[in-house]
């Protein structure tokens, strides 16, 4: 786009005319729907609202339950993949093929990860940093090109 004096004066004139227009009122149907939605949201129970709006005691109990379930999941993982034998032989016999398969897969990935040279890892991190910086630079240049002169 060229910034000739005619173009600038037209832009200024259009801007002035649009700013002088009175603000428009929303249609009555839209206004009624918005107020109805606000009332509906205010009337819903606390468990259907945002976590931030929950009562403090419920938030504390929820966090405690999350911590308990998380520790239970960690303990179950240790029990499933740990070296100690299970006391219930039926569960042990049912889960041992799956546990062995997961252990073998984890061992293969661990072997691969431990045999990657550290120079490759540092190089990959450096390449990611350079591409991130380049993406940021391209975004800034695109912004300046497209929007800064308006």
C-alpha atoms as a PDB file:
ATOM      1  CA  UNK A   1       0.000   0.000   0.000  1.00  0.00           C
ATOM      2  CA  UNK A   2       1.288   3.424  -0.798  1.00  0.00           C
ATOM      3  CA  UNK A   3       1.160   6.227   1.724  1.00  0.00           C
ATOM      4  CA  UNK A   4       0.484   9.066  -0.667  1.00  0.00           C
ATOM      5  CA  UNK A   5      -1.050  12.304   0.700  1.00  0.00           C
ATOM      6  CA  UNK A   6      -4.419  11.430  -0.924  1.00  0.00           C
ATOM      7  CA  UNK A   7      -4.425   8.017   0.713  1.00  0.00           C
ATOM      8  CA  UNK A   8      -3.537   9.488   4.119  1.00  0.00           C
ATOM      9  CA  UNK A   9      -6.165  12.222   3.910  1.00  0.00           C
ATOM     10  CA  UNK A  10      -8.822   9.669   2.901  1.00  0.00           C
ATOM     11  CA  UNK A  11      -7.803   7.488   5.806  1.00  0.00           C
ATOM     12  CA  UNK A  12      -7.968  10.409   8.253  1.00  0.00           C
ATOM     13  CA  UNK A  13     -11.345  11.520   6.881  1.00  0.00           C
ATOM     14  CA  UNK A  14     -12.790   7.993   7.163  1.00  0.00           C
ATOM     15  CA  UNK A  15     -11.421   7.654  10.694  1.00  0.00           C
ATOM     16  CA  UNK A  16     -12.956  10.990  11.750  1.00  0.00           C
ATOM     17  CA  UNK A  17     -16.352  10.142  10.233  1.00  0.00           C
ATOM     18  CA  UNK A  18     -16.446   6.738  11.921  1.00  0.00           C
ATOM     19  CA  UNK A  19     -15.422   8.181  15.300  1.00  0.00           C
ATOM     20  CA  UNK A  20     -18.205  10.795  15.085  1.00  0.00           C
ATOM     21  CA  UNK A  21     -20.900   8.138  14.704  1.00  0.00           C
ATOM     22  CA  UNK A  22     -22.984   7.582  17.849  1.00  0.00           C
ATOM     23  CA  UNK A  23     -22.528   4.243  19.625  1.00  0.00           C
ATOM     24  CA  UNK A  24     -25.086   1.660  18.570  1.00  0.00           C
ATOM     25  CA  UNK A  25     -27.286  -0.078  21.068  1.00  0.00           C
ATOM     26  CA  UNK A  26     -27.385  -3.847  21.013  1.00  0.00           C
ATOM     27  CA  UNK A  27     -30.563  -5.426  19.653  1.00  0.00           C
ATOM     28  CA  UNK A  28     -33.133  -6.185  22.327  1.00  0.00           C
ATOM     29  CA  UNK A  29     -33.087  -9.913  21.550  1.00  0.00           C
ATOM     30  CA  UNK A  30     -29.313 -10.073  21.993  1.00  0.00           C
ATOM     31  CA  UNK A  31     -29.464  -8.120  25.229  1.00  0.00           C
ATOM     32  CA  UNK A  32     -32.146 -10.430  26.614  1.00  0.00           C
ATOM     33  CA  UNK A  33     -30.180 -13.537  25.650  1.00  0.00           C
ATOM     34  CA  UNK A  34     -27.002 -12.201  27.271  1.00  0.00           C
ATOM     35  CA  UNK A  35     -28.760 -11.369  30.528  1.00  0.00           C
ATOM     36  CA  UNK A  36     -30.514 -14.755  30.517  1.00  0.00           C
ATOM     37  CA  UNK A  37     -27.166 -16.526  30.063  1.00  0.00           C
ATOM     38  CA  UNK A  38     -25.598 -14.519  32.887  1.00  0.00           C
ATOM     39  CA  UNK A  39     -28.476 -15.433  35.191  1.00  0.00           C
ATOM     40  CA  UNK A  40     -28.232 -19.095  34.177  1.00  0.00           C
ATOM     41  CA  UNK A  41     -24.501 -19.175  34.941  1.00  0.00           C
ATOM     42  CA  UNK A  42     -25.012 -17.458  38.294  1.00  0.00           C
ATOM     43  CA  UNK A  43     -27.701 -19.996  39.277  1.00  0.00           C
ATOM     44  CA  UNK A  44     -25.735 -23.158  38.519  1.00  0.00           C
ATOM     45  CA  UNK A  45     -24.270 -25.204  41.405  1.00  0.00           C
ATOM     46  CA  UNK A  46     -20.682 -24.753  42.561  1.00  0.00           C
ATOM     47  CA  UNK A  47     -19.437 -28.074  41.161  1.00  0.00           C
ATOM     48  CA  UNK A  48     -20.367 -26.959  37.640  1.00  0.00           C
ATOM     49  CA  UNK A  49     -18.425 -23.718  37.949  1.00  0.00           C
ATOM     50  CA  UNK A  50     -14.710 -23.088  37.709  1.00  0.00           C
ATOM     51  CA  UNK A  51     -12.326 -24.659  40.231  1.00  0.00           C
ATOM     52  CA  UNK A  52     -11.469 -21.133  41.383  1.00  0.00           C
ATOM     53  CA  UNK A  53     -15.111 -20.640  42.462  1.00  0.00           C
ATOM     54  CA  UNK A  54     -15.307 -23.830  44.544  1.00  0.00           C
ATOM     55  CA  UNK A  55     -15.504 -23.490  48.347  1.00  0.00           C
ATOM     56  CA  UNK A  56     -12.070 -23.537  50.018  1.00  0.00           C
ATOM     57  CA  UNK A  57     -12.692 -26.767  51.956  1.00  0.00           C
ATOM     58  CA  UNK A  58     -13.735 -28.587  48.783  1.00  0.00           C
ATOM     59  CA  UNK A  59     -10.616 -27.382  46.977  1.00  0.00           C
ATOM     60  CA  UNK A  60      -8.441 -28.622  49.838  1.00  0.00           C
ATOM     61  CA  UNK A  61     -10.199 -32.010  49.856  1.00  0.00           C
ATOM     62  CA  UNK A  62      -9.842 -32.243  46.070  1.00  0.00           C
ATOM     63  CA  UNK A  63      -6.104 -31.542  46.268  1.00  0.00           C
ATOM     64  CA  UNK A  64      -5.727 -34.095  49.055  1.00  0.00           C
ATOM     65  CA  UNK A  65      -7.567 -36.690  46.955  1.00  0.00           C
ATOM     66  CA  UNK A  66      -5.330 -35.911  43.972  1.00  0.00           C
ATOM     67  CA  UNK A  67      -2.200 -36.337  46.099  1.00  0.00           C
ATOM     68  CA  UNK A  68      -3.539 -39.596  47.534  1.00  0.00           C
ATOM     69  CA  UNK A  69      -4.405 -40.973  44.098  1.00  0.00           C
ATOM     70  CA  UNK A  70      -1.038 -39.862  42.741  1.00  0.00           C
ATOM     71  CA  UNK A  71       0.858 -41.610  45.509  1.00  0.00           C
ATOM     72  CA  UNK A  72      -1.341 -44.674  45.014  1.00  0.00           C
ATOM     73  CA  UNK A  73      -0.470 -44.681  41.315  1.00  0.00           C
ATOM     74  CA  UNK A  74       3.244 -44.441  42.131  1.00  0.00           C
ATOM     75  CA  UNK A  75       2.971 -47.275  44.632  1.00  0.00           C
ATOM     76  CA  UNK A  76       1.026 -49.396  42.146  1.00  0.00           C
ATOM     77  CA  UNK A  77       3.736 -48.795  39.563  1.00  0.00           C
ATOM     78  CA  UNK A  78       6.408 -49.805  42.063  1.00  0.00           C
ATOM     79  CA  UNK A  79       4.389 -52.887  42.944  1.00  0.00           C
ATOM     80  CA  UNK A  80       3.833 -53.793  39.298  1.00  0.00           C
ATOM     81  CA  UNK A  81       7.376 -53.205  38.087  1.00  0.00           C
ATOM     82  CA  UNK A  82       9.266 -53.689  41.347  1.00  0.00           C
ATOM     83  CA  UNK A  83      11.568 -56.605  42.063  1.00  0.00           C
ATOM     84  CA  UNK A  84       9.540 -57.895  45.033  1.00  0.00           C
ATOM     85  CA  UNK A  85       7.213 -60.815  44.386  1.00  0.00           C
ATOM     86  CA  UNK A  86       3.493 -60.351  44.673  1.00  0.00           C
ATOM     87  CA  UNK A  87       1.698 -62.079  47.510  1.00  0.00           C
ATOM     88  CA  UNK A  88      -1.269 -62.838  45.307  1.00  0.00           C
ATOM     89  CA  UNK A  89      -0.069 -65.392  42.809  1.00  0.00           C
ATOM     90  CA  UNK A  90      -3.109 -65.103  40.529  1.00  0.00           C
ATOM     91  CA  UNK A  91      -2.531 -61.396  39.878  1.00  0.00           C
ATOM     92  CA  UNK A  92       1.178 -62.000  39.471  1.00  0.00           C
ATOM     93  CA  UNK A  93       0.633 -64.699  36.876  1.00  0.00           C
ATOM     94  CA  UNK A  94      -1.889 -62.561  34.966  1.00  0.00           C
ATOM     95  CA  UNK A  95       0.247 -59.429  34.938  1.00  0.00           C
ATOM     96  CA  UNK A  96       3.711 -60.902  34.479  1.00  0.00           C
ATOM     97  CA  UNK A  97       3.620 -61.036  30.641  1.00  0.00           C
ATOM     98  CA  UNK A  98       2.473 -57.409  30.423  1.00  0.00           C
ATOM     99  CA  UNK A  99       5.006 -56.308  33.025  1.00  0.00           C
ATOM    100  CA  UNK A 100       7.789 -58.168  31.224  1.00  0.00           C
ATOM    101  CA  UNK A 101       6.831 -56.561  27.939  1.00  0.00           C
ATOM    102  CA  UNK A 102       6.801 -53.083  29.444  1.00  0.00           C
ATOM    103  CA  UNK A 103      10.115 -53.739  31.210  1.00  0.00           C
ATOM    104  CA  UNK A 104      11.701 -54.910  27.954  1.00  0.00           C
ATOM    105  CA  UNK A 105      10.451 -51.855  26.050  1.00  0.00           C
ATOM    106  CA  UNK A 106      11.642 -49.528  28.805  1.00  0.00           C
ATOM    107  CA  UNK A 107      14.997 -51.298  28.838  1.00  0.00           C
ATOM    108  CA  UNK A 108      15.377 -50.875  25.072  1.00  0.00           C
ATOM    109  CA  UNK A 109      14.576 -47.161  25.248  1.00  0.00           C
ATOM    110  CA  UNK A 110      16.914 -46.776  28.227  1.00  0.00           C
ATOM    111  CA  UNK A 111      19.719 -48.525  26.313  1.00  0.00           C
ATOM    112  CA  UNK A 112      19.196 -46.256  23.308  1.00  0.00           C
ATOM    113  CA  UNK A 113      19.047 -43.123  25.466  1.00  0.00           C
ATOM    114  CA  UNK A 114      22.224 -43.996  27.356  1.00  0.00           C
ATOM    115  CA  UNK A 115      24.162 -44.676  24.157  1.00  0.00           C
ATOM    116  CA  UNK A 116      23.412 -41.366  22.442  1.00  0.00           C
ATOM    117  CA  UNK A 117      26.579 -39.233  22.524  1.00  0.00           C
ATOM    118  CA  UNK A 118      26.244 -36.126  24.677  1.00  0.00           C
ATOM    119  CA  UNK A 119      27.513 -33.987  21.790  1.00  0.00           C
ATOM    120  CA  UNK A 120      24.416 -34.980  19.799  1.00  0.00           C
ATOM    121  CA  UNK A 121      22.143 -34.018  22.677  1.00  0.00           C
ATOM    122  CA  UNK A 122      23.839 -30.625  23.109  1.00  0.00           C
ATOM    123  CA  UNK A 123      23.733 -30.129  19.346  1.00  0.00           C
ATOM    124  CA  UNK A 124      20.001 -30.884  19.248  1.00  0.00           C
ATOM    125  CA  UNK A 125      19.398 -28.423  22.079  1.00  0.00           C
ATOM    126  CA  UNK A 126      21.439 -25.784  20.242  1.00  0.00           C
ATOM    127  CA  UNK A 127      19.518 -26.379  16.997  1.00  0.00           C
ATOM    128  CA  UNK A 128      16.204 -26.061  18.836  1.00  0.00           C
ATOM    129  CA  UNK A 129      17.354 -22.811  20.470  1.00  0.00           C
ATOM    130  CA  UNK A 130      18.491 -21.364  17.133  1.00  0.00           C
ATOM    131  CA  UNK A 131      15.233 -22.329  15.407  1.00  0.00           C
ATOM    132  CA  UNK A 132      13.227 -20.825  18.274  1.00  0.00           C
ATOM    133  CA  UNK A 133      15.168 -17.573  18.016  1.00  0.00           C
ATOM    134  CA  UNK A 134      14.753 -17.582  14.224  1.00  0.00           C
ATOM    135  CA  UNK A 135      11.012 -18.165  14.552  1.00  0.00           C
ATOM    136  CA  UNK A 136      10.776 -15.296  17.024  1.00  0.00           C
ATOM    137  CA  UNK A 137      12.740 -13.058  14.638  1.00  0.00           C
ATOM    138  CA  UNK A 138      10.563 -14.005  11.674  1.00  0.00           C
ATOM    139  CA  UNK A 139       7.439 -13.307  13.704  1.00  0.00           C
ATOM    140  CA  UNK A 140       8.754  -9.904  14.782  1.00  0.00           C
ATOM    141  CA  UNK A 141       9.712  -9.022  11.208  1.00  0.00           C
ATOM    142  CA  UNK A 142       6.305 -10.104   9.929  1.00  0.00           C
ATOM    143  CA  UNK A 143       4.577  -8.024  12.584  1.00  0.00           C
ATOM    144  CA  UNK A 144       6.642  -4.949  11.752  1.00  0.00           C
ATOM    145  CA  UNK A 145       6.011  -5.445   8.056  1.00  0.00           C
ATOM    146  CA  UNK A 146       2.269  -6.018   8.318  1.00  0.00           C
ATOM    147  CA  UNK A 147       1.057  -4.043  11.321  1.00  0.00           C
ATOM    148  CA  UNK A 148       3.630  -1.524  12.567  1.00  0.00           C
ATOM    149  CA  UNK A 149       2.989   1.075   9.861  1.00  0.00           C
ATOM    150  CA  UNK A 150      -0.781   1.199  10.372  1.00  0.00           C
END
